[in-house]
């Protein structure tokens, strides 16, 4: 089960990523835009997620995902770290959030981090 240190290590391994404390919690940014946070005493993480997908995730796995009241109007979802399957799932979630925040120029420079292949 991944923990906060795994989140930190994986998030900071993504290109141009930095850590900054904001709202009394660690936040992770790419080119200055936030793509992940470690709220709730670092037992969960918040990541960017399109609202339609976010709602589907919460309905499908309410034990893993939820929407914080103050984030309901934004494209963010919370995820319990204890519910993550493994580090591969953590990496996929963080890379997806990173892609949503990264500028096009950075996405073009790292095509291996581009959009996942369609099934």
PDB file of N, CA and C in Angstrom:
ATOM      1  N   UNK A   1       0.844  -1.178   0.000  1.00  0.00           N
ATOM      2  CA  UNK A   1       0.000   0.000   0.000  1.00  0.00           C
ATOM      3  C   UNK A   1       0.891   1.243   0.000  1.00  0.00           C
ATOM      4  N   UNK A   2       0.743   2.094  -0.994  1.00  0.00           N
ATOM      5  CA  UNK A   2       1.536   3.328  -1.045  1.00  0.00           C
ATOM      6  C   UNK A   2       1.202   4.271   0.113  1.00  0.00           C
ATOM      7  N   UNK A   3       2.201   5.065   0.492  1.00  0.00           N
ATOM      8  CA  UNK A   3       1.990   6.048   1.557  1.00  0.00           C
ATOM      9  C   UNK A   3       2.399   7.433   1.054  1.00  0.00           C
ATOM     10  N   UNK A   4       2.372   8.411   1.953  1.00  0.00           N
ATOM     11  CA  UNK A   4       2.658   9.798   1.581  1.00  0.00           C
ATOM     12  C   UNK A   4       4.060   9.952   0.978  1.00  0.00           C
ATOM     13  N   UNK A   5       5.026   9.229   1.493  1.00  0.00           N
ATOM     14  CA  UNK A   5       6.380   9.328   0.942  1.00  0.00           C
ATOM     15  C   UNK A   5       6.440   8.785  -0.476  1.00  0.00           C
ATOM     16  N   UNK A   6       5.642   7.759  -0.764  1.00  0.00           N
ATOM     17  CA  UNK A   6       5.570   7.246  -2.136  1.00  0.00           C
ATOM     18  C   UNK A   6       4.932   8.288  -3.056  1.00  0.00           C
ATOM     19  N   UNK A   7       3.881   8.954  -2.574  1.00  0.00           N
ATOM     20  CA  UNK A   7       3.248  10.017  -3.361  1.00  0.00           C
ATOM     21  C   UNK A   7       4.281  11.088  -3.680  1.00  0.00           C
ATOM     22  N   UNK A   8       5.009  11.512  -2.670  1.00  0.00           N
ATOM     23  CA  UNK A   8       6.020  12.562  -2.833  1.00  0.00           C
ATOM     24  C   UNK A   8       7.082  12.130  -3.860  1.00  0.00           C
ATOM     25  N   UNK A   9       7.599  10.923  -3.717  1.00  0.00           N
ATOM     26  CA  UNK A   9       8.659  10.432  -4.599  1.00  0.00           C
ATOM     27  C   UNK A   9       8.168  10.334  -6.045  1.00  0.00           C
ATOM     28  N   UNK A  10       6.982   9.765  -6.242  1.00  0.00           N
ATOM     29  CA  UNK A  10       6.457   9.598  -7.597  1.00  0.00           C
ATOM     30  C   UNK A  10       6.100  10.958  -8.208  1.00  0.00           C
ATOM     31  N   UNK A  11       5.442  11.804  -7.443  1.00  0.00           N
ATOM     32  CA  UNK A  11       5.058  13.129  -7.964  1.00  0.00           C
ATOM     33  C   UNK A  11       6.285  13.924  -8.387  1.00  0.00           C
ATOM     34  N   UNK A  12       7.314  13.888  -7.566  1.00  0.00           N
ATOM     35  CA  UNK A  12       8.517  14.669  -7.872  1.00  0.00           C
ATOM     36  C   UNK A  12       9.363  14.040  -8.975  1.00  0.00           C
ATOM     37  N   UNK A  13       9.082  12.795  -9.331  1.00  0.00           N
ATOM     38  CA  UNK A  13       9.806  12.155 -10.441  1.00  0.00           C
ATOM     39  C   UNK A  13       9.247  12.599 -11.798  1.00  0.00           C
ATOM     40  N   UNK A  14       8.080  13.206 -11.810  1.00  0.00           N
ATOM     41  CA  UNK A  14       7.484  13.679 -13.063  1.00  0.00           C
ATOM     42  C   UNK A  14       8.176  14.974 -13.498  1.00  0.00           C
ATOM     43  N   UNK A  15       8.366  15.187 -14.785  1.00  0.00           N
ATOM     44  CA  UNK A  15       9.122  16.345 -15.277  1.00  0.00           C
ATOM     45  C   UNK A  15       8.603  17.686 -14.760  1.00  0.00           C
ATOM     46  N   UNK A  16       9.544  18.541 -14.382  1.00  0.00           N
ATOM     47  CA  UNK A  16       9.271  19.915 -13.961  1.00  0.00           C
ATOM     48  C   UNK A  16       8.349  19.995 -12.743  1.00  0.00           C
ATOM     49  N   UNK A  17       8.312  18.937 -11.934  1.00  0.00           N
ATOM     50  CA  UNK A  17       7.448  18.921 -10.751  1.00  0.00           C
ATOM     51  C   UNK A  17       8.178  19.459  -9.534  1.00  0.00           C
ATOM     52  N   UNK A  18       7.433  20.182  -8.714  1.00  0.00           N
ATOM     53  CA  UNK A  18       7.976  20.743  -7.485  1.00  0.00           C
ATOM     54  C   UNK A  18       6.968  20.524  -6.363  1.00  0.00           C
ATOM     55  N   UNK A  19       7.466  20.625  -5.150  1.00  0.00           N
ATOM     56  CA  UNK A  19       6.608  20.540  -3.969  1.00  0.00           C
ATOM     57  C   UNK A  19       6.573  21.902  -3.301  1.00  0.00           C
ATOM     58  N   UNK A  20       5.396  22.302  -2.874  1.00  0.00           N
ATOM     59  CA  UNK A  20       5.219  23.570  -2.178  1.00  0.00           C
ATOM     60  C   UNK A  20       4.132  23.397  -1.118  1.00  0.00           C
ATOM     61  N   UNK A  21       4.387  23.876   0.088  1.00  0.00           N
ATOM     62  CA  UNK A  21       3.363  23.826   1.124  1.00  0.00           C
ATOM     63  C   UNK A  21       2.379  24.973   0.890  1.00  0.00           C
ATOM     64  N   UNK A  22       1.099  24.628   0.837  1.00  0.00           N
ATOM     65  CA  UNK A  22       0.021  25.611   0.693  1.00  0.00           C
ATOM     66  C   UNK A  22      -1.165  25.094   1.495  1.00  0.00           C
ATOM     67  N   UNK A  23      -1.883  25.983   2.130  1.00  0.00           N
ATOM     68  CA  UNK A  23      -3.005  25.599   2.989  1.00  0.00           C
ATOM     69  C   UNK A  23      -2.572  24.566   4.036  1.00  0.00           C
ATOM     70  N   UNK A  24      -1.346  24.703   4.520  1.00  0.00           N
ATOM     71  CA  UNK A  24      -0.772  23.822   5.548  1.00  0.00           C
ATOM     72  C   UNK A  24      -0.650  22.372   5.113  1.00  0.00           C
ATOM     73  N   UNK A  25      -0.502  22.130   3.818  1.00  0.00           N
ATOM     74  CA  UNK A  25      -0.315  20.762   3.331  1.00  0.00           C
ATOM     75  C   UNK A  25       0.625  20.769   2.136  1.00  0.00           C
ATOM     76  N   UNK A  26       1.274  19.641   1.881  1.00  0.00           N
ATOM     77  CA  UNK A  26       2.119  19.533   0.694  1.00  0.00           C
ATOM     78  C   UNK A  26       1.273  19.572  -0.576  1.00  0.00           C
ATOM     79  N   UNK A  27       1.715  20.343  -1.547  1.00  0.00           N
ATOM     80  CA  UNK A  27       1.089  20.356  -2.869  1.00  0.00           C
ATOM     81  C   UNK A  27       2.184  20.100  -3.890  1.00  0.00           C
ATOM     82  N   UNK A  28       1.798  19.502  -5.003  1.00  0.00           N
ATOM     83  CA  UNK A  28       2.746  19.181  -6.065  1.00  0.00           C
ATOM     84  C   UNK A  28       2.296  19.890  -7.328  1.00  0.00           C
ATOM     85  N   UNK A  29       3.255  20.519  -7.996  1.00  0.00           N
ATOM     86  CA  UNK A  29       2.951  21.385  -9.135  1.00  0.00           C
ATOM     87  C   UNK A  29       3.837  21.068 -10.322  1.00  0.00           C
ATOM     88  N   UNK A  30       3.286  21.323 -11.492  1.00  0.00           N
ATOM     89  CA  UNK A  30       4.053  21.229 -12.730  1.00  0.00           C
ATOM     90  C   UNK A  30       3.946  22.589 -13.406  1.00  0.00           C
ATOM     91  N   UNK A  31       5.090  23.169 -13.707  1.00  0.00           N
ATOM     92  CA  UNK A  31       5.124  24.496 -14.315  1.00  0.00           C
ATOM     93  C   UNK A  31       4.248  25.476 -13.531  1.00  0.00           C
ATOM     94  N   UNK A  32       4.242  25.329 -12.211  1.00  0.00           N
ATOM     95  CA  UNK A  32       3.511  26.230 -11.335  1.00  0.00           C
ATOM     96  C   UNK A  32       2.053  25.883 -11.101  1.00  0.00           C
ATOM     97  N   UNK A  33       1.501  24.904 -11.834  1.00  0.00           N
ATOM     98  CA  UNK A  33       0.096  24.523 -11.674  1.00  0.00           C
ATOM     99  C   UNK A  33      -0.017  23.267 -10.818  1.00  0.00           C
ATOM    100  N   UNK A  34      -0.907  23.307  -9.836  1.00  0.00           N
ATOM    101  CA  UNK A  34      -1.077  22.188  -8.926  1.00  0.00           C
ATOM    102  C   UNK A  34      -1.677  20.975  -9.636  1.00  0.00           C
ATOM    103  N   UNK A  35      -1.102  19.785  -9.343  1.00  0.00           N
ATOM    104  CA  UNK A  35      -1.678  18.556  -9.871  1.00  0.00           C
ATOM    105  C   UNK A  35      -1.962  17.527  -8.783  1.00  0.00           C
ATOM    106  N   UNK A  36      -1.484  17.753  -7.562  1.00  0.00           N
ATOM    107  CA  UNK A  36      -1.783  16.830  -6.464  1.00  0.00           C
ATOM    108  C   UNK A  36      -1.538  17.522  -5.125  1.00  0.00           C
ATOM    109  N   UNK A  37      -2.268  17.059  -4.107  1.00  0.00           N
ATOM    110  CA  UNK A  37      -2.053  17.534  -2.742  1.00  0.00           C
ATOM    111  C   UNK A  37      -2.110  16.338  -1.799  1.00  0.00           C
ATOM    112  N   UNK A  38      -1.582  16.533  -0.606  1.00  0.00           N
ATOM    113  CA  UNK A  38      -1.628  15.504   0.437  1.00  0.00           C
ATOM    114  C   UNK A  38      -2.379  16.052   1.657  1.00  0.00           C
ATOM    115  N   UNK A  39      -3.716  16.095   1.594  1.00  0.00           N
ATOM    116  CA  UNK A  39      -4.498  16.568   2.738  1.00  0.00           C
ATOM    117  C   UNK A  39      -4.734  15.456   3.767  1.00  0.00           C
ATOM    118  N   UNK A  40      -5.611  15.730   4.742  1.00  0.00           N
ATOM    119  CA  UNK A  40      -6.011  14.736   5.756  1.00  0.00           C
ATOM    120  C   UNK A  40      -4.816  14.044   6.408  1.00  0.00           C
ATOM    121  N   UNK A  41      -3.918  14.831   6.945  1.00  0.00           N
ATOM    122  CA  UNK A  41      -2.748  14.267   7.621  1.00  0.00           C
ATOM    123  C   UNK A  41      -1.980  13.290   6.741  1.00  0.00           C
ATOM    124  N   UNK A  42      -1.983  13.559   5.436  1.00  0.00           N
ATOM    125  CA  UNK A  42      -1.253  12.780   4.441  1.00  0.00           C
ATOM    126  C   UNK A  42      -1.719  11.324   4.341  1.00  0.00           C
ATOM    127  N   UNK A  43      -2.999  11.076   4.637  1.00  0.00           N
ATOM    128  CA  UNK A  43      -3.568   9.733   4.485  1.00  0.00           C
ATOM    129  C   UNK A  43      -4.367   9.601   3.191  1.00  0.00           C
ATOM    130  N   UNK A  44      -4.504  10.712   2.473  1.00  0.00           N
ATOM    131  CA  UNK A  44      -5.188  10.699   1.188  1.00  0.00           C
ATOM    132  C   UNK A  44      -4.447  11.650   0.262  1.00  0.00           C
ATOM    133  N   UNK A  45      -4.859  11.649  -0.989  1.00  0.00           N
ATOM    134  CA  UNK A  45      -4.331  12.642  -1.911  1.00  0.00           C
ATOM    135  C   UNK A  45      -5.491  13.177  -2.721  1.00  0.00           C
ATOM    136  N   UNK A  46      -5.339  14.397  -3.185  1.00  0.00           N
ATOM    137  CA  UNK A  46      -6.301  15.009  -4.091  1.00  0.00           C
ATOM    138  C   UNK A  46      -5.592  15.193  -5.423  1.00  0.00           C
ATOM    139  N   UNK A  47      -6.289  14.844  -6.500  1.00  0.00           N
ATOM    140  CA  UNK A  47      -5.722  14.958  -7.840  1.00  0.00           C
ATOM    141  C   UNK A  47      -6.756  15.560  -8.791  1.00  0.00           C
ATOM    142  N   UNK A  48      -6.259  16.115  -9.877  1.00  0.00           N
ATOM    143  CA  UNK A  48      -7.145  16.643 -10.914  1.00  0.00           C
ATOM    144  C   UNK A  48      -7.894  15.479 -11.561  1.00  0.00           C
ATOM    145  N   UNK A  49      -9.162  15.726 -11.845  1.00  0.00           N
ATOM    146  CA  UNK A  49      -9.973  14.702 -12.503  1.00  0.00           C
ATOM    147  C   UNK A  49     -11.182  15.386 -13.125  1.00  0.00           C
ATOM    148  N   UNK A  50     -11.406  15.203 -14.426  1.00  0.00           N
ATOM    149  CA  UNK A  50     -12.587  15.810 -15.037  1.00  0.00           C
ATOM    150  C   UNK A  50     -13.844  15.429 -14.252  1.00  0.00           C
ATOM    151  N   UNK A  51     -14.760  16.385 -14.111  1.00  0.00           N
ATOM    152  CA  UNK A  51     -15.936  16.170 -13.267  1.00  0.00           C
ATOM    153  C   UNK A  51     -16.742  14.934 -13.643  1.00  0.00           C
ATOM    154  N   UNK A  52     -16.933  14.672 -14.922  1.00  0.00           N
ATOM    155  CA  UNK A  52     -17.717  13.502 -15.329  1.00  0.00           C
ATOM    156  C   UNK A  52     -17.031  12.222 -14.871  1.00  0.00           C
ATOM    157  N   UNK A  53     -15.728  12.130 -15.089  1.00  0.00           N
ATOM    158  CA  UNK A  53     -14.983  10.946 -14.647  1.00  0.00           C
ATOM    159  C   UNK A  53     -14.954  10.855 -13.133  1.00  0.00           C
ATOM    160  N   UNK A  54     -14.814  11.986 -12.469  1.00  0.00           N
ATOM    161  CA  UNK A  54     -14.762  12.030 -11.012  1.00  0.00           C
ATOM    162  C   UNK A  54     -16.036  11.443 -10.419  1.00  0.00           C
ATOM    163  N   UNK A  55     -17.168  11.869 -10.928  1.00  0.00           N
ATOM    164  CA  UNK A  55     -18.443  11.381 -10.404  1.00  0.00           C
ATOM    165  C   UNK A  55     -18.580   9.877 -10.618  1.00  0.00           C
ATOM    166  N   UNK A  56     -18.130   9.394 -11.766  1.00  0.00           N
ATOM    167  CA  UNK A  56     -18.175   7.955 -12.046  1.00  0.00           C
ATOM    168  C   UNK A  56     -17.266   7.176 -11.087  1.00  0.00           C
ATOM    169  N   UNK A  57     -16.076   7.711 -10.817  1.00  0.00           N
ATOM    170  CA  UNK A  57     -15.157   7.055  -9.885  1.00  0.00           C
ATOM    171  C   UNK A  57     -15.770   6.934  -8.491  1.00  0.00           C
ATOM    172  N   UNK A  58     -16.344   8.027  -8.018  1.00  0.00           N
ATOM    173  CA  UNK A  58     -16.938   8.033  -6.674  1.00  0.00           C
ATOM    174  C   UNK A  58     -18.083   7.034  -6.588  1.00  0.00           C
ATOM    175  N   UNK A  59     -18.918   6.979  -7.617  1.00  0.00           N
ATOM    176  CA  UNK A  59     -20.030   6.021  -7.616  1.00  0.00           C
ATOM    177  C   UNK A  59     -19.528   4.578  -7.680  1.00  0.00           C
ATOM    178  N   UNK A  60     -18.502   4.346  -8.473  1.00  0.00           N
ATOM    179  CA  UNK A  60     -17.981   2.988  -8.656  1.00  0.00           C
ATOM    180  C   UNK A  60     -17.195   2.486  -7.447  1.00  0.00           C
ATOM    181  N   UNK A  61     -16.427   3.392  -6.801  1.00  0.00           N
ATOM    182  CA  UNK A  61     -15.565   2.979  -5.687  1.00  0.00           C
ATOM    183  C   UNK A  61     -15.616   4.000  -4.552  1.00  0.00           C
ATOM    184  N   UNK A  62     -16.739   4.083  -3.845  1.00  0.00           N
ATOM    185  CA  UNK A  62     -16.868   5.092  -2.782  1.00  0.00           C
ATOM    186  C   UNK A  62     -15.916   4.869  -1.607  1.00  0.00           C
ATOM    187  N   UNK A  63     -15.388   3.685  -1.449  1.00  0.00           N
ATOM    188  CA  UNK A  63     -14.415   3.430  -0.394  1.00  0.00           C
ATOM    189  C   UNK A  63     -13.029   3.956  -0.736  1.00  0.00           C
ATOM    190  N   UNK A  64     -12.816   4.248  -2.014  1.00  0.00           N
ATOM    191  CA  UNK A  64     -11.518   4.738  -2.473  1.00  0.00           C
ATOM    192  C   UNK A  64     -11.558   6.237  -2.783  1.00  0.00           C
ATOM    193  N   UNK A  65     -12.630   6.689  -3.438  1.00  0.00           N
ATOM    194  CA  UNK A  65     -12.723   8.068  -3.920  1.00  0.00           C
ATOM    195  C   UNK A  65     -13.844   8.826  -3.224  1.00  0.00           C
ATOM    196  N   UNK A  66     -13.657  10.123  -3.062  1.00  0.00           N
ATOM    197  CA  UNK A  66     -14.730  11.001  -2.600  1.00  0.00           C
ATOM    198  C   UNK A  66     -14.417  12.422  -3.024  1.00  0.00           C
ATOM    199  N   UNK A  67     -15.430  13.261  -2.916  1.00  0.00           N
ATOM    200  CA  UNK A  67     -15.292  14.666  -3.293  1.00  0.00           C
ATOM    201  C   UNK A  67     -15.428  15.502  -2.033  1.00  0.00           C
ATOM    202  N   UNK A  68     -14.403  16.259  -1.717  1.00  0.00           N
ATOM    203  CA  UNK A  68     -14.454  17.154  -0.564  1.00  0.00           C
ATOM    204  C   UNK A  68     -15.455  18.273  -0.872  1.00  0.00           C
ATOM    205  N   UNK A  69     -16.213  18.664   0.138  1.00  0.00           N
ATOM    206  CA  UNK A  69     -17.242  19.690  -0.061  1.00  0.00           C
ATOM    207  C   UNK A  69     -16.697  20.942  -0.730  1.00  0.00           C
ATOM    208  N   UNK A  70     -15.545  21.425  -0.271  1.00  0.00           N
ATOM    209  CA  UNK A  70     -15.009  22.672  -0.826  1.00  0.00           C
ATOM    210  C   UNK A  70     -14.418  22.502  -2.227  1.00  0.00           C
ATOM    211  N   UNK A  71     -14.331  21.278  -2.719  1.00  0.00           N
ATOM    212  CA  UNK A  71     -13.821  21.020  -4.061  1.00  0.00           C
ATOM    213  C   UNK A  71     -14.918  20.576  -5.028  1.00  0.00           C
ATOM    214  N   UNK A  72     -16.160  20.557  -4.578  1.00  0.00           N
ATOM    215  CA  UNK A  72     -17.269  20.042  -5.396  1.00  0.00           C
ATOM    216  C   UNK A  72     -17.410  20.780  -6.724  1.00  0.00           C
ATOM    217  N   UNK A  73     -17.105  22.061  -6.750  1.00  0.00           N
ATOM    218  CA  UNK A  73     -17.241  22.833  -7.973  1.00  0.00           C
ATOM    219  C   UNK A  73     -16.027  22.782  -8.875  1.00  0.00           C
ATOM    220  N   UNK A  74     -15.021  22.037  -8.467  1.00  0.00           N
ATOM    221  CA  UNK A  74     -13.768  21.985  -9.220  1.00  0.00           C
ATOM    222  C   UNK A  74     -13.489  20.564  -9.702  1.00  0.00           C
ATOM    223  N   UNK A  75     -12.619  20.426 -10.662  1.00  0.00           N
ATOM    224  CA  UNK A  75     -12.282  19.122 -11.244  1.00  0.00           C
ATOM    225  C   UNK A  75     -11.181  18.434 -10.436  1.00  0.00           C
ATOM    226  N   UNK A  76     -11.491  18.101  -9.176  1.00  0.00           N
ATOM    227  CA  UNK A  76     -10.578  17.411  -8.270  1.00  0.00           C
ATOM    228  C   UNK A  76     -11.317  16.275  -7.598  1.00  0.00           C
ATOM    229  N   UNK A  77     -10.586  15.219  -7.266  1.00  0.00           N
ATOM    230  CA  UNK A  77     -11.147  14.101  -6.524  1.00  0.00           C
ATOM    231  C   UNK A  77     -10.149  13.705  -5.445  1.00  0.00           C
ATOM    232  N   UNK A  78     -10.656  13.223  -4.317  1.00  0.00           N
ATOM    233  CA  UNK A  78      -9.799  12.712  -3.239  1.00  0.00           C
ATOM    234  C   UNK A  78      -9.729  11.196  -3.343  1.00  0.00           C
ATOM    235  N   UNK A  79      -8.598  10.660  -2.896  1.00  0.00           N
ATOM    236  CA  UNK A  79      -8.354   9.225  -2.960  1.00  0.00           C
ATOM    237  C   UNK A  79      -7.649   8.773  -1.688  1.00  0.00           C
ATOM    238  N   UNK A  80      -8.207   7.781  -1.028  1.00  0.00           N
ATOM    239  CA  UNK A  80      -7.583   7.232   0.184  1.00  0.00           C
ATOM    240  C   UNK A  80      -6.340   6.428  -0.210  1.00  0.00           C
ATOM    241  N   UNK A  81      -5.195   6.779   0.363  1.00  0.00           N
ATOM    242  CA  UNK A  81      -3.962   6.064   0.031  1.00  0.00           C
ATOM    243  C   UNK A  81      -4.059   4.593   0.413  1.00  0.00           C
ATOM    244  N   UNK A  82      -4.743   4.289   1.510  1.00  0.00           N
ATOM    245  CA  UNK A  82      -4.867   2.900   1.959  1.00  0.00           C
ATOM    246  C   UNK A  82      -5.676   2.045   0.985  1.00  0.00           C
ATOM    247  N   UNK A  83      -6.434   2.683   0.090  1.00  0.00           N
ATOM    248  CA  UNK A  83      -7.253   1.947  -0.870  1.00  0.00           C
ATOM    249  C   UNK A  83      -6.543   1.711  -2.204  1.00  0.00           C
ATOM    250  N   UNK A  84      -5.375   2.325  -2.385  1.00  0.00           N
ATOM    251  CA  UNK A  84      -4.630   2.116  -3.627  1.00  0.00           C
ATOM    252  C   UNK A  84      -4.101   0.689  -3.675  1.00  0.00           C
ATOM    253  N   UNK A  85      -4.146   0.091  -4.848  1.00  0.00           N
ATOM    254  CA  UNK A  85      -3.698  -1.289  -4.994  1.00  0.00           C
ATOM    255  C   UNK A  85      -2.190  -1.430  -4.847  1.00  0.00           C
ATOM    256  N   UNK A  86      -1.449  -0.553  -5.537  1.00  0.00           N
ATOM    257  CA  UNK A  86       0.003  -0.671  -5.532  1.00  0.00           C
ATOM    258  C   UNK A  86       0.612   0.617  -6.089  1.00  0.00           C
ATOM    259  N   UNK A  87       1.920   0.619  -6.195  1.00  0.00           N
ATOM    260  CA  UNK A  87       2.603   1.811  -6.695  1.00  0.00           C
ATOM    261  C   UNK A  87       2.304   2.068  -8.169  1.00  0.00           C
ATOM    262  N   UNK A  88       2.017   1.043  -8.932  1.00  0.00           N
ATOM    263  CA  UNK A  88       1.670   1.243 -10.346  1.00  0.00           C
ATOM    264  C   UNK A  88       0.382   2.057 -10.467  1.00  0.00           C
ATOM    265  N   UNK A  89      -0.599   1.768  -9.628  1.00  0.00           N
ATOM    266  CA  UNK A  89      -1.835   2.551  -9.647  1.00  0.00           C
ATOM    267  C   UNK A  89      -1.554   3.994  -9.219  1.00  0.00           C
ATOM    268  N   UNK A  90      -0.734   4.160  -8.207  1.00  0.00           N
ATOM    269  CA  UNK A  90      -0.354   5.501  -7.750  1.00  0.00           C
ATOM    270  C   UNK A  90       0.299   6.278  -8.886  1.00  0.00           C
ATOM    271  N   UNK A  91       1.231   5.657  -9.571  1.00  0.00           N
ATOM    272  CA  UNK A  91       1.940   6.314 -10.682  1.00  0.00           C
ATOM    273  C   UNK A  91       0.956   6.692 -11.789  1.00  0.00           C
ATOM    274  N   UNK A  92       0.027   5.802 -12.133  1.00  0.00           N
ATOM    275  CA  UNK A  92      -0.960   6.094 -13.177  1.00  0.00           C
ATOM    276  C   UNK A  92      -1.825   7.293 -12.804  1.00  0.00           C
ATOM    277  N   UNK A  93      -2.288   7.327 -11.569  1.00  0.00           N
ATOM    278  CA  UNK A  93      -3.158   8.416 -11.109  1.00  0.00           C
ATOM    279  C   UNK A  93      -2.397   9.742 -11.119  1.00  0.00           C
ATOM    280  N   UNK A  94      -1.183   9.744 -10.593  1.00  0.00           N
ATOM    281  CA  UNK A  94      -0.404  10.980 -10.551  1.00  0.00           C
ATOM    282  C   UNK A  94      -0.009  11.441 -11.954  1.00  0.00           C
ATOM    283  N   UNK A  95       0.360  10.511 -12.824  1.00  0.00           N
ATOM    284  CA  UNK A  95       0.726  10.893 -14.195  1.00  0.00           C
ATOM    285  C   UNK A  95      -0.477  11.471 -14.933  1.00  0.00           C
ATOM    286  N   UNK A  96      -1.658  10.910 -14.714  1.00  0.00           N
ATOM    287  CA  UNK A  96      -2.862  11.432 -15.354  1.00  0.00           C
ATOM    288  C   UNK A  96      -3.148  12.851 -14.870  1.00  0.00           C
ATOM    289  N   UNK A  97      -3.027  13.086 -13.585  1.00  0.00           N
ATOM    290  CA  UNK A  97      -3.254  14.426 -13.041  1.00  0.00           C
ATOM    291  C   UNK A  97      -2.191  15.399 -13.550  1.00  0.00           C
ATOM    292  N   UNK A  98      -0.938  14.938 -13.602  1.00  0.00           N
ATOM    293  CA  UNK A  98       0.161  15.760 -14.125  1.00  0.00           C
ATOM    294  C   UNK A  98      -0.136  16.201 -15.560  1.00  0.00           C
ATOM    295  N   UNK A  99      -0.613  15.252 -16.401  1.00  0.00           N
ATOM    296  CA  UNK A  99      -0.934  15.572 -17.801  1.00  0.00           C
ATOM    297  C   UNK A  99      -1.990  16.673 -17.892  1.00  0.00           C
ATOM    298  N   UNK A 100      -2.946  16.672 -16.977  1.00  0.00           N
ATOM    299  CA  UNK A 100      -4.011  17.670 -17.004  1.00  0.00           C
ATOM    300  C   UNK A 100      -3.506  19.067 -16.638  1.00  0.00           C
ATOM    301  N   UNK A 101      -2.417  19.129 -15.889  1.00  0.00           N
ATOM    302  CA  UNK A 101      -1.881  20.426 -15.459  1.00  0.00           C
ATOM    303  C   UNK A 101      -0.709  20.911 -16.314  1.00  0.00           C
ATOM    304  N   UNK A 102      -0.001  19.995 -16.934  1.00  0.00           N
ATOM    305  CA  UNK A 102       1.218  20.348 -17.673  1.00  0.00           C
ATOM    306  C   UNK A 102       0.905  21.154 -18.929  1.00  0.00           C
ATOM    307  N   UNK A 103       1.762  22.130 -19.244  1.00  0.00           N
ATOM    308  CA  UNK A 103       1.571  22.880 -20.494  1.00  0.00           C
ATOM    309  C   UNK A 103       1.889  21.999 -21.703  1.00  0.00           C
ATOM    310  N   UNK A 104       1.309  22.334 -22.828  1.00  0.00           N
ATOM    311  CA  UNK A 104       1.478  21.565 -24.062  1.00  0.00           C
ATOM    312  C   UNK A 104       2.950  21.365 -24.409  1.00  0.00           C
ATOM    313  N   UNK A 105       3.736  22.404 -24.237  1.00  0.00           N
ATOM    314  CA  UNK A 105       5.163  22.322 -24.574  1.00  0.00           C
ATOM    315  C   UNK A 105       5.848  21.208 -23.761  1.00  0.00           C
ATOM    316  N   UNK A 106       5.482  21.077 -22.512  1.00  0.00           N
ATOM    317  CA  UNK A 106       6.063  20.038 -21.661  1.00  0.00           C
ATOM    318  C   UNK A 106       5.533  18.663 -22.060  1.00  0.00           C
ATOM    319  N   UNK A 107       4.256  18.575 -22.374  1.00  0.00           N
ATOM    320  CA  UNK A 107       3.688  17.304 -22.844  1.00  0.00           C
ATOM    321  C   UNK A 107       4.380  16.852 -24.127  1.00  0.00           C
ATOM    322  N   UNK A 108       4.635  17.807 -25.029  1.00  0.00           N
ATOM    323  CA  UNK A 108       5.322  17.484 -26.285  1.00  0.00           C
ATOM    324  C   UNK A 108       6.755  17.013 -26.045  1.00  0.00           C
ATOM    325  N   UNK A 109       7.394  17.531 -25.013  1.00  0.00           N
ATOM    326  CA  UNK A 109       8.779  17.165 -24.700  1.00  0.00           C
ATOM    327  C   UNK A 109       8.890  15.777 -24.068  1.00  0.00           C
ATOM    328  N   UNK A 110       7.772  15.289 -23.516  1.00  0.00           N
ATOM    329  CA  UNK A 110       7.761  13.977 -22.852  1.00  0.00           C
ATOM    330  C   UNK A 110       6.613  13.136 -23.402  1.00  0.00           C
ATOM    331  N   UNK A 111       6.703  12.709 -24.667  1.00  0.00           N
ATOM    332  CA  UNK A 111       5.600  11.955 -25.266  1.00  0.00           C
ATOM    333  C   UNK A 111       5.299  10.642 -24.541  1.00  0.00           C
ATOM    334  N   UNK A 112       6.278  10.087 -23.838  1.00  0.00           N
ATOM    335  CA  UNK A 112       6.038   8.851 -23.095  1.00  0.00           C
ATOM    336  C   UNK A 112       5.061   9.061 -21.950  1.00  0.00           C
ATOM    337  N   UNK A 113       4.855  10.310 -21.556  1.00  0.00           N
ATOM    338  CA  UNK A 113       3.877  10.632 -20.521  1.00  0.00           C
ATOM    339  C   UNK A 113       2.588  11.145 -21.135  1.00  0.00           C
ATOM    340  N   UNK A 114       2.446  11.006 -22.444  1.00  0.00           N
ATOM    341  CA  UNK A 114       1.241  11.481 -23.132  1.00  0.00           C
ATOM    342  C   UNK A 114       0.005  10.706 -22.724  1.00  0.00           C
ATOM    343  N   UNK A 115      -1.055  10.946 -23.429  1.00  0.00           N
ATOM    344  CA  UNK A 115      -2.320  10.306 -23.087  1.00  0.00           C
ATOM    345  C   UNK A 115      -2.215   8.796 -23.209  1.00  0.00           C
ATOM    346  N   UNK A 116      -2.891   8.070 -22.309  1.00  0.00           N
ATOM    347  CA  UNK A 116      -2.855   6.604 -22.390  1.00  0.00           C
ATOM    348  C   UNK A 116      -3.445   6.116 -23.720  1.00  0.00           C
ATOM    349  N   UNK A 117      -2.964   4.991 -24.168  1.00  0.00           N
ATOM    350  CA  UNK A 117      -3.462   4.429 -25.420  1.00  0.00           C
ATOM    351  C   UNK A 117      -4.917   4.007 -25.254  1.00  0.00           C
ATOM    352  N   UNK A 118      -5.698   4.176 -26.304  1.00  0.00           N
ATOM    353  CA  UNK A 118      -7.103   3.749 -26.275  1.00  0.00           C
ATOM    354  C   UNK A 118      -7.153   2.225 -26.322  1.00  0.00           C
ATOM    355  N   UNK A 119      -8.147   1.683 -25.652  1.00  0.00           N
ATOM    356  CA  UNK A 119      -8.306   0.214 -25.626  1.00  0.00           C
ATOM    357  C   UNK A 119      -8.866  -0.309 -26.921  1.00  0.00           C
TER     358      UNK A 119
END
